[in-house]
Every structure is written in C-alpha cells, then in structure tokens.
C-alpha cells in the first residue's frame, strides 16, 4: 500500500452539507445540560457497570486540530481516573484485556465509517513499558489498513516524572502516546450538585457555584493520544465534519486458570468483543440519561441513539431542569437524529489548546467544535443550562498548565516531600 497517496485513505461517502455554525450550537447544547441530582462530571464512573470496571471506564474524549499544524487531528481518550500520586506504580498500567477504540464517522449519519484501535501487552514489571499495538480499520474491520507498535511511558515515584515517550510511525506519520497524565478535566462536583439540587427544587441558587474547588486537581488518569493526518479521517472533500466516539470493549469469554507448575494464575480472554463503555459529547449519559438506564446507554451505539432509543428520557430530563423548548428541540435533534459523536469541523482553524478561552470569547473555535484539553466544558454547559445566560462554576482552568506540544496533556502529579503540605487535591 502506498502510504504517500492521500487518496488511499480517503473514505468514499455521500456528500452532505452541514451548516457549521448550526452544528456547533446544537452540539454545544447537547453537552451542556446536566440535571442529574448526583453527578460524577464528565463520564468518570457515571454508571455502576463501569465503576466496577475501572480499566474500561472512559472519562473524557478529545478531538481537535493540532494548534501547531492544522493538517493533523489530535484524538485522545482517558480511562481509570482519580489515581493518587502515591499509587503511580501500582496503578500505572493499561488493561491488556481491554480494546480501546476511536470510532470515526465522516458521512453525516450515525454509523461509524472507520476506527482506530489500541490494545496493550500485559505489564511485566513496574519499570518496563507495555507495548501498544495501534491499528486503523475501515468500516468492516476485517483487517487493518495499517498498524504499528509503540511503548507506553513508564512511571516513577521520584519527585520529577519521567519524560513522555512519543512514538511516530515513519510510514503513516501518526504519533502515539500512552501513560499517566494529570487529569485535564476541571470542575467543582460538589458546587455543581448543590446548584442542580436548587434548580430541581424550584429555587435556582447560583451562589452554590462559588466554592471554586477543582474536584480533579492533584489526580492522575490513564491517557491515550494520537496525532493523525486529517486526510485519513476525512470523508468526501465537500464534508469537512468528522464525528468521534470513544469506546472500550472486552472479550465476551474470560477464563482464569491456575498453573500448578509455577503456582500462578493466568487469565485468558477470547470470543467476540463486547462494548463496556462509550463516550463522545460530554455529559450525555451522566446528565441526560436516568440512572436505571445508564448501563444500557453505555452498551448502546450512536445508531441506537438515532433510532430514538433514549429520546424520551433526554427530553424529560431537560424539562425537569427548566431548559426551554428551543434548546430541548435542538438537543433532541442532535442526540437522536445523528447519534452521540463529538463533532469536529476540519475547516475551522485552531491555534491553541483552549486554555483561558470560553464559549463567549470572540473568535472562539473550541468545544463544542470538537474538544480541546483546555476547553471549559462546564461553563459552556452552564451557559446552555441557563438558556444561554452566562454563569459558571468558578473553576476556569486546569490545576496545572498544559504543554504546547503533543500530546498536549500535563505530566502526572508526583508524590510530595516533607515538610510540604499536600494541598493539590481540593475536595
């Protein structure tokens, strides 16, 4: 296969023009309504099924144009959050039984047209990297169009973290990173829950949002990030919008055997892959789906969304929050008609990772147009919850600065030394 020929990777799809501004508005509202009374924010342990399976528990998905080179798209997903620095070594591996997948939709419907799939070898030692295998599939997923391997970044308990290991495949120009990073999500869980409770009680109290404490500060998370030439993800040239859905899967058969020769237990997984979790537009499951159906939503697909499987629940939840009919209609159209994808317009230029910007910033090009690490998704959410009135959770940036180069996520928090008082976490 000729990796220098861009047409080799172009997906043949029907053309469908979409008004970029309207799509951005609709996607924004889709992520911006969180009426659940008890919430985890983003999708950190939002349902019982994934809370009991942290290795497959998706927290957030990111999709944005590389601010240093807009010909490349950065895709990232993170799992198994709230890793404290003292557990850097014990909890620093990716589950070898989980398949991590980016589903790519580029024809304007609900069905994925391609996928990037990442799996990991077992961890053999705390000071040795795992080997990640990265594969790119077309729609039928019968055999990869290309693949390569790369090491993960090994962690240390020293005061300074190890440098990030980034691998660039010379044939495809795809770069890869996997390892612990600072959790880039910033949000006051307690303040927001208190505010939502006041709304549901019929007495909205924005002062509940004034704590200004980032519930994710000081914690680490398992991050997978890729930098991919945009032409590999794009459909027809007339349609610049791609949709990204993060998915975790496990084999439907798992067997644990005890080896009498060496006294060790051995796990074997095989059979058809079964979806454990999915994540695209922030807060759809966490906020809009009733608790009894959250596990069902995680195992469903964007095509199920488009068939109306969760439409009535979404509308009912929004009405409970007092969201007006206009915003409910826009949200229902996005969440039902085209399924839950994080939509990114490849023709909209991007020059930053989003820090210090918000949805009302002049020239704003971030979330809900894709999602950058620094985008203030909660303030965007609150803006639409309040029917486009400007309010916020008083947490306006990540607890540590984001780097300006790939993978664009900060290094993990390390254990602190005495006599420093640990005030990194802000619960």
Protein backbone atom coordinates (compact mmCIF):
# COMPACT_ATOMS: atom_id res chain seq x y z
CA UNK A 1 0.00 0.00 0.00
CA UNK A 2 1.28 3.46 -0.88
CA UNK A 3 1.27 5.46 2.34
CA UNK A 4 2.20 8.65 0.49
CA UNK A 5 -1.04 8.65 -1.51
CA UNK A 6 -3.68 10.53 0.43
CA UNK A 7 -6.45 9.12 -1.74
CA UNK A 8 -5.61 5.67 -0.38
CA UNK A 9 -7.06 6.74 2.95
CA UNK A 10 -9.93 8.86 1.76
CA UNK A 11 -13.28 7.31 2.56
CA UNK A 12 -15.81 7.24 -0.24
CA UNK A 13 -19.03 8.62 1.16
CA UNK A 14 -22.07 10.54 0.07
CA UNK A 15 -21.83 14.29 0.37
CA UNK A 16 -23.97 16.06 2.91
CA UNK A 17 -23.53 19.74 3.61
CA UNK A 18 -23.93 20.83 7.20
CA UNK A 19 -24.04 24.40 8.40
CA UNK A 20 -21.02 24.58 10.69
CA UNK A 21 -22.41 27.26 12.94
CA UNK A 22 -25.68 25.42 13.48
CA UNK A 23 -23.87 22.15 14.15
CA UNK A 24 -21.62 23.82 16.69
CA UNK A 25 -24.58 25.32 18.51
CA UNK A 26 -26.52 22.06 18.55
CA UNK A 27 -23.56 20.01 19.71
CA UNK A 28 -22.83 22.57 22.40
CA UNK A 29 -26.28 22.35 23.85
CA UNK A 30 -26.11 18.58 23.65
CA UNK A 31 -23.28 18.61 26.14
CA UNK A 32 -24.46 21.44 28.21
CA UNK A 33 -27.35 20.23 30.28
CA UNK A 34 -26.61 18.29 33.48
CA UNK A 35 -29.77 17.76 35.51
CA UNK A 36 -28.88 14.58 37.38
CA UNK A 37 -29.14 15.08 41.13
CA UNK A 38 -25.94 13.16 41.96
CA UNK A 39 -23.25 13.51 39.32
CA UNK A 40 -19.66 12.44 38.72
CA UNK A 41 -19.00 15.04 35.99
CA UNK A 42 -17.77 14.21 32.52
CA UNK A 43 -18.09 10.44 32.49
CA UNK A 44 -15.89 9.45 35.44
CA UNK A 45 -17.67 6.37 36.92
CA UNK A 46 -21.08 7.57 35.75
CA UNK A 47 -22.67 4.10 35.82
CA UNK A 48 -22.39 1.04 38.05
CA UNK A 49 -21.13 -1.18 35.25
CA UNK A 50 -18.05 0.91 34.52
CA UNK A 51 -17.48 1.96 38.13
CA UNK A 52 -16.80 -1.72 38.80
CA UNK A 53 -14.51 -1.99 35.78
CA UNK A 54 -12.12 0.97 36.05
CA UNK A 55 -9.76 -0.24 33.32
CA UNK A 56 -12.56 0.20 30.79
CA UNK A 57 -14.20 3.27 32.37
CA UNK A 58 -13.98 6.13 29.87
CA UNK A 59 -13.75 9.57 31.43
CA UNK A 60 -13.34 12.01 28.52
CA UNK A 61 -12.72 12.07 24.78
CA UNK A 62 -10.89 14.87 22.95
CA UNK A 63 -10.71 15.73 19.26
CA UNK A 64 -9.05 18.90 17.96
CA UNK A 65 -6.76 20.23 15.27
CA UNK A 66 -3.13 20.38 16.35
CA UNK A 67 -2.61 24.11 17.04
CA UNK A 68 0.94 23.83 15.67
CA UNK A 69 -0.12 22.01 12.48
CA UNK A 70 -3.78 22.11 11.46
CA UNK A 71 -3.20 19.33 8.94
CA UNK A 72 -3.23 16.91 11.88
CA UNK A 73 -6.04 15.88 14.24
CA UNK A 74 -5.28 15.01 17.86
CA UNK A 75 -7.52 12.26 19.23
CA UNK A 76 -7.36 11.34 22.91
CA UNK A 77 -9.31 9.37 25.46
CA UNK A 78 -8.67 8.71 29.12
CA UNK A 79 -9.77 5.96 31.50
CA UNK A 80 -9.49 4.95 35.16
CA UNK A 81 -9.18 8.36 36.79
CA UNK A 82 -8.54 9.58 40.34
CA UNK A 83 -5.08 7.96 40.54
CA UNK A 84 -3.27 9.50 43.51
CA UNK A 85 0.49 10.16 43.15
CA UNK A 86 1.43 7.53 45.77
CA UNK A 87 -0.14 4.85 43.53
CA UNK A 88 1.78 5.82 40.38
CA UNK A 89 3.48 2.44 40.15
CA UNK A 90 0.72 0.08 41.25
CA UNK A 91 -1.96 1.60 39.03
CA UNK A 92 0.06 2.78 36.04
CA UNK A 93 -0.81 0.05 33.51
CA UNK A 94 -3.44 -0.29 30.79
CA UNK A 95 -5.58 -3.41 30.98
CA UNK A 96 -4.37 -5.93 28.36
CA UNK A 97 -7.91 -7.34 28.22
CA UNK A 98 -9.48 -4.07 27.05
CA UNK A 99 -9.66 -2.83 23.48
CA UNK A 100 -9.65 0.96 23.22
CA UNK A 101 -11.30 2.28 20.09
CA UNK A 102 -11.88 5.63 18.39
CA UNK A 103 -14.86 5.30 16.07
CA UNK A 104 -14.83 7.79 13.20
CA UNK A 105 -17.97 8.96 11.42
CA UNK A 106 -17.45 11.12 8.31
CA UNK A 107 -20.62 10.86 6.21
CA UNK A 108 -23.04 12.78 8.44
CA UNK A 109 -25.05 9.82 9.72
CA UNK A 110 -24.89 7.68 12.87
CA UNK A 111 -22.83 4.77 11.56
CA UNK A 112 -19.02 4.74 12.07
CA UNK A 113 -17.02 4.68 8.84
CA UNK A 114 -13.58 3.79 10.25
CA UNK A 115 -11.84 3.17 13.55
CA UNK A 116 -8.51 3.48 15.32
CA UNK A 117 -7.99 0.62 17.74
CA UNK A 118 -5.40 0.33 20.54
CA UNK A 119 -4.52 -2.73 22.61
CA UNK A 120 -1.75 -3.32 25.15
CA UNK A 121 0.52 -6.19 26.10
CA UNK A 122 0.50 -7.32 29.75
CA UNK A 123 2.65 -5.37 32.18
CA UNK A 124 5.70 -7.49 33.03
CA UNK A 125 7.44 -5.16 35.51
CA UNK A 126 6.84 -1.78 37.13
CA UNK A 127 9.91 -0.34 35.40
CA UNK A 128 9.19 -1.79 31.94
CA UNK A 129 6.81 -0.30 29.37
CA UNK A 130 3.83 -2.09 27.92
CA UNK A 131 3.68 -2.43 24.16
CA UNK A 132 0.73 -0.78 22.47
CA UNK A 133 -0.50 -2.01 19.09
CA UNK A 134 -2.27 0.67 17.04
CA UNK A 135 -4.46 -0.45 14.14
CA UNK A 136 -6.51 1.52 11.62
CA UNK A 137 -9.62 -0.13 10.14
CA UNK A 138 -12.18 0.79 7.53
CA UNK A 139 -15.88 0.22 8.16
CA UNK A 140 -15.92 -3.59 8.02
CA UNK A 141 -12.95 -4.01 10.44
CA UNK A 142 -11.88 -7.24 8.74
CA UNK A 143 -8.21 -6.38 8.53
CA UNK A 144 -6.24 -3.24 9.42
CA UNK A 145 -5.23 -0.85 6.64
CA UNK A 146 -2.10 -0.18 8.67
CA UNK A 147 -0.67 -0.83 12.11
CA UNK A 148 2.40 -0.20 14.25
CA UNK A 149 3.57 -0.72 17.83
CA UNK A 150 4.81 1.73 20.45
CA UNK A 151 5.91 1.64 24.12
CA UNK A 152 4.00 3.28 26.96
CA UNK A 153 5.59 5.81 29.30
CA UNK A 154 6.94 4.22 32.49
CA UNK A 155 6.13 5.93 35.79
CA UNK A 156 8.40 6.75 38.73
CA UNK A 157 7.89 7.71 42.38
CA UNK A 158 10.66 10.31 42.14
CA UNK A 159 9.87 13.97 42.64
CA UNK A 160 10.06 14.58 38.88
CA UNK A 161 8.14 12.44 36.36
CA UNK A 162 9.77 10.57 33.53
CA UNK A 163 9.62 12.35 30.16
CA UNK A 164 6.71 11.41 27.93
CA UNK A 165 7.55 8.77 25.33
CA UNK A 166 6.07 9.73 21.94
CA UNK A 167 6.41 7.34 19.00
CA UNK A 168 5.90 8.49 15.40
CA UNK A 169 5.33 5.81 12.78
CA UNK A 170 7.50 6.69 9.74
CA UNK A 171 5.08 5.15 7.22
CA UNK A 172 1.92 6.96 8.29
CA UNK A 173 3.24 9.99 10.21
CA UNK A 174 0.90 9.04 13.06
CA UNK A 175 2.23 9.85 16.55
CA UNK A 176 1.23 7.94 19.67
CA UNK A 177 1.41 8.42 23.43
CA UNK A 178 0.04 6.34 26.30
CA UNK A 179 0.67 6.76 30.00
CA UNK A 180 -0.42 8.57 33.13
CA UNK A 181 -1.06 12.31 32.88
CA UNK A 182 -2.64 14.92 35.06
CA UNK A 183 -6.42 14.64 34.71
CA UNK A 184 -7.19 17.59 32.41
CA UNK A 185 -10.85 17.84 33.41
CA UNK A 186 -11.60 20.70 35.79
CA UNK A 187 -14.88 21.08 37.59
CA UNK A 188 -16.40 21.58 41.06
CA UNK A 189 -18.53 18.44 41.51
CA UNK A 190 -19.91 19.45 44.91
CA UNK A 191 -20.77 23.02 43.95
CA UNK A 192 -22.46 21.90 40.76
CA UNK A 193 -24.51 19.20 42.50
CA UNK A 194 -25.68 21.74 45.05
CA UNK A 195 -26.65 24.14 42.26
CA UNK A 196 -28.54 21.45 40.34
CA UNK A 197 -30.40 20.48 43.52
CA UNK A 198 -31.50 24.09 43.95
CA UNK A 199 -32.73 24.16 40.35
CA UNK A 200 -34.71 20.95 40.75
CA UNK A 201 -36.21 22.33 43.96
CA UNK A 202 -37.52 25.31 42.03
CA UNK A 203 -35.17 27.82 43.68
CA UNK A 204 -32.07 28.22 41.43
CA UNK A 205 -29.15 29.43 43.55
CA UNK A 206 -26.03 30.34 41.51
CA UNK A 207 -24.13 31.13 44.73
CA UNK A 208 -23.77 27.36 45.11
CA UNK A 209 -21.21 27.62 42.32
CA UNK A 210 -18.81 29.89 44.19
CA UNK A 211 -16.66 27.28 46.02
CA UNK A 212 -14.10 27.41 43.22
CA UNK A 213 -12.63 24.00 44.10
CA UNK A 214 -11.47 21.74 41.26
CA UNK A 215 -12.56 18.20 42.19
CA UNK A 216 -9.97 16.72 39.78
CA UNK A 217 -6.97 18.75 40.91
CA UNK A 218 -4.00 16.68 42.04
CA UNK A 219 -5.23 13.43 40.46
CA UNK A 220 -3.85 11.47 37.52
CA UNK A 221 -5.52 9.47 34.77
CA UNK A 222 -4.60 6.93 32.07
CA UNK A 223 -4.33 8.79 28.75
CA UNK A 224 -4.13 7.51 25.16
CA UNK A 225 -3.41 10.15 22.50
CA UNK A 226 -2.77 10.04 18.76
CA UNK A 227 -1.82 12.70 16.24
CA UNK A 228 -3.29 11.65 12.89
CA UNK A 229 -3.06 13.34 9.46
CA UNK A 230 -6.51 14.83 8.90
CA UNK A 231 -6.91 13.34 5.41
CA UNK A 232 -7.00 9.85 6.94
CA UNK A 233 -10.12 10.73 8.93
CA UNK A 234 -11.96 12.89 6.42
CA UNK A 235 -14.72 11.65 4.13
CA UNK A 236 -15.63 13.45 0.92
CA UNK A 237 -13.88 16.83 0.49
CA UNK A 238 -17.28 18.52 0.44
CA UNK A 239 -17.95 17.34 4.02
CA UNK A 240 -15.32 18.71 6.45
CA UNK A 241 -17.03 17.44 9.62
CA UNK A 242 -15.98 14.24 11.37
CA UNK A 243 -17.55 12.60 14.40
CA UNK A 244 -15.51 10.85 17.10
CA UNK A 245 -16.85 8.27 19.56
CA UNK A 246 -14.63 6.64 22.17
CA UNK A 247 -15.39 3.00 23.01
CA UNK A 248 -13.93 0.36 25.33
CA UNK A 249 -14.54 -3.34 24.72
CA UNK A 250 -13.78 -6.69 26.35
CA UNK A 251 -13.99 -10.25 25.03
CA UNK A 252 -17.20 -12.00 25.98
CA UNK A 253 -15.31 -15.04 27.32
CA UNK A 254 -12.74 -14.81 30.11
CA UNK A 255 -11.18 -17.82 31.86
CA UNK A 256 -8.85 -17.86 34.86
CA UNK A 257 -6.62 -20.92 35.19
CA UNK A 258 -4.25 -21.90 37.96
CA UNK A 259 -0.92 -23.30 36.74
CA UNK A 260 0.17 -25.99 39.22
CA UNK A 261 3.72 -25.93 37.84
CA UNK A 262 4.50 -22.36 38.85
CA UNK A 263 1.62 -21.65 41.23
CA UNK A 264 0.48 -18.66 39.20
CA UNK A 265 -2.95 -17.68 37.95
CA UNK A 266 -3.38 -17.00 34.25
CA UNK A 267 -6.20 -15.06 32.61
CA UNK A 268 -7.30 -15.87 29.07
CA UNK A 269 -9.80 -13.82 27.08
CA UNK A 270 -11.33 -14.73 23.75
CA UNK A 271 -14.51 -14.55 21.78
CA UNK A 272 -16.46 -11.63 20.37
CA UNK A 273 -15.67 -8.14 21.64
CA UNK A 274 -18.44 -6.67 23.78
CA UNK A 275 -18.78 -2.94 24.40
CA UNK A 276 -18.25 -1.86 28.01
CA UNK A 277 -18.38 1.93 27.77
CA UNK A 278 -18.72 4.73 25.24
CA UNK A 279 -18.04 8.44 25.43
CA UNK A 280 -18.29 11.32 22.97
CA UNK A 281 -20.16 14.52 23.76
CA UNK A 282 -19.51 15.24 27.45
CA UNK A 283 -22.31 14.68 29.95
CA UNK A 284 -24.90 12.98 27.75
CA UNK A 285 -25.02 9.82 29.85
CA UNK A 286 -24.02 11.46 33.11
CA UNK A 287 -26.65 14.17 32.85
CA UNK A 288 -29.42 13.24 30.46
CA UNK A 289 -29.95 9.51 30.94
CA UNK A 290 -31.86 8.29 34.04
CA UNK A 291 -29.88 6.18 36.48
CA UNK A 292 -31.65 2.86 35.70
CA UNK A 293 -30.65 3.16 32.02
CA UNK A 294 -27.05 4.36 32.33
CA UNK A 295 -25.52 0.89 31.87
CA UNK A 296 -27.84 0.32 28.93
CA UNK A 297 -26.69 3.58 27.35
CA UNK A 298 -23.02 2.65 27.72
CA UNK A 299 -23.60 -0.62 25.87
CA UNK A 300 -25.65 1.02 23.10
CA UNK A 301 -24.43 2.71 19.91
CA UNK A 302 -24.93 6.02 18.10
CA UNK A 303 -27.22 4.12 15.73
CA UNK A 304 -29.42 3.27 18.73
CA UNK A 305 -29.47 6.97 19.58
CA UNK A 306 -30.56 7.82 16.06
CA UNK A 307 -33.36 5.23 16.28
CA UNK A 308 -34.79 7.14 19.25
CA UNK A 309 -33.96 4.60 21.95
CA UNK A 310 -33.23 7.28 24.59
CA UNK A 311 -35.11 10.26 23.13
CA UNK A 312 -37.99 10.38 25.62
CA UNK A 313 -35.63 10.21 28.59
CA UNK A 314 -33.48 13.03 27.25
CA UNK A 315 -36.48 15.31 26.73
CA UNK A 316 -37.96 14.52 30.15
CA UNK A 317 -34.67 15.21 31.91
CA UNK A 318 -34.25 18.57 30.18
CA UNK A 319 -37.77 19.61 31.08
CA UNK A 320 -37.05 18.82 34.73
CA UNK A 321 -34.23 21.36 34.65
CA UNK A 322 -36.37 24.08 33.10
CA UNK A 323 -34.47 24.18 29.81
CA UNK A 324 -36.65 25.98 27.29
CA UNK A 325 -38.35 24.36 24.31
CA UNK A 326 -35.90 25.80 21.79
CA UNK A 327 -32.89 24.25 23.46
CA UNK A 328 -34.72 20.99 24.12
CA UNK A 329 -35.61 20.75 20.44
CA UNK A 330 -32.04 21.43 19.33
CA UNK A 331 -30.64 18.91 21.80
CA UNK A 332 -33.16 16.22 20.87
CA UNK A 333 -32.34 16.71 17.20
CA UNK A 334 -28.60 16.23 17.81
CA UNK A 335 -28.79 13.40 20.33
CA UNK A 336 -31.39 11.36 18.43
CA UNK A 337 -31.03 12.03 14.71
CA UNK A 338 -27.27 11.58 14.29
CA UNK A 339 -26.27 9.77 17.44
CA UNK A 340 -23.75 10.77 20.08
CA UNK A 341 -20.49 11.85 18.45
CA UNK A 342 -18.02 14.60 19.27
CA UNK A 343 -18.17 16.63 16.04
CA UNK A 344 -15.11 18.46 14.66
CA UNK A 345 -15.02 20.76 11.62
CA UNK A 346 -11.68 20.20 9.89
CA UNK A 347 -12.00 23.52 8.05
CA UNK A 348 -12.17 25.58 11.26
CA UNK A 349 -8.65 26.70 12.09
CA UNK A 350 -7.32 26.16 15.61
CA UNK A 351 -4.40 27.98 17.23
CA UNK A 352 -4.45 26.86 20.88
CA UNK A 353 -5.24 24.08 23.36
CA UNK A 354 -8.10 26.21 24.67
CA UNK A 355 -6.72 27.49 27.98
CA UNK A 356 -8.15 30.83 29.07
CA UNK A 357 -10.96 30.75 26.50
CA UNK A 358 -14.68 30.15 26.80
CA UNK A 359 -17.71 29.92 24.55
CA UNK A 360 -18.25 33.71 24.67
CA UNK A 361 -14.63 34.56 23.70
CA UNK A 362 -14.51 36.41 20.33
CA UNK A 363 -13.22 34.07 17.62
CA UNK A 364 -13.70 31.01 19.83
CA UNK A 365 -13.10 27.80 17.84
CA UNK A 366 -13.14 25.10 20.52
CA UNK A 367 -15.74 22.99 22.26
CA UNK A 368 -18.44 22.28 21.11
CA UNK A 369 -16.45 22.21 17.85
CA UNK A 370 -14.53 19.11 18.89
CA UNK A 371 -12.95 19.36 22.31
CA UNK A 372 -9.53 20.68 23.30
CA UNK A 373 -7.78 19.87 26.62
CA UNK A 374 -8.21 23.40 27.93
CA UNK A 375 -11.81 24.00 26.85
CA UNK A 376 -14.05 25.00 29.76
CA UNK A 377 -16.78 22.48 29.06
CA UNK A 378 -18.57 23.07 32.37
CA UNK A 379 -19.01 26.81 31.83
CA UNK A 380 -20.27 26.03 28.34
CA UNK A 381 -22.67 23.52 29.83
CA UNK A 382 -23.91 26.01 32.42
CA UNK A 383 -24.34 28.66 29.74
CA UNK A 384 -26.89 26.48 27.99
CA UNK A 385 -28.49 25.09 31.15
CA UNK A 386 -29.40 28.69 31.97
CA UNK A 387 -30.86 29.10 28.44
CA UNK A 388 -27.74 30.94 27.26
CA UNK A 389 -27.21 33.13 30.29
CA UNK A 390 -23.59 33.48 31.39
CA UNK A 391 -22.89 31.66 34.66
CA UNK A 392 -20.01 29.41 35.65
CA UNK A 393 -18.66 27.05 38.30
CA UNK A 394 -15.80 29.40 39.29
CA UNK A 395 -13.18 26.84 38.17
CA UNK A 396 -11.82 28.36 34.99
CA UNK A 397 -8.70 26.38 34.14
CA UNK A 398 -6.83 23.17 34.84
CA UNK A 399 -4.84 22.99 38.07
CA UNK A 400 -1.56 22.79 36.12
CA UNK A 401 -0.56 24.41 32.84
CA UNK A 402 -0.98 22.39 29.66
CA UNK A 403 2.01 21.89 27.35
CA UNK A 404 2.01 23.44 23.88
CA UNK A 405 3.18 20.33 22.02
CA UNK A 406 1.79 16.81 21.54
CA UNK A 407 0.26 15.14 23.48
CA UNK A 408 -0.94 18.48 24.97
CA UNK A 409 -1.64 16.97 28.41
CA UNK A 410 0.36 17.74 31.55
CA UNK A 411 2.70 15.26 33.19
CA UNK A 412 1.35 13.29 36.17
CA UNK A 413 1.43 14.60 39.70
CA UNK A 414 4.28 13.10 41.73
CA UNK A 415 4.48 12.31 45.45
CA UNK A 416 5.42 15.36 47.52
CA UNK A 417 8.22 15.55 50.10
CA UNK A 418 8.01 16.74 53.71
CA UNK A 419 7.61 19.40 55.02
CA UNK A 420 5.43 20.40 52.07
CA UNK A 421 1.74 20.32 52.94
CA UNK A 422 -0.19 18.47 50.26
CA UNK A 423 -2.92 20.85 49.11
CA UNK A 424 -3.04 19.65 45.48
CA UNK A 425 -6.37 17.92 45.88
CA UNK A 426 -9.32 20.20 46.52
CA UNK A 427 -12.30 18.17 47.60
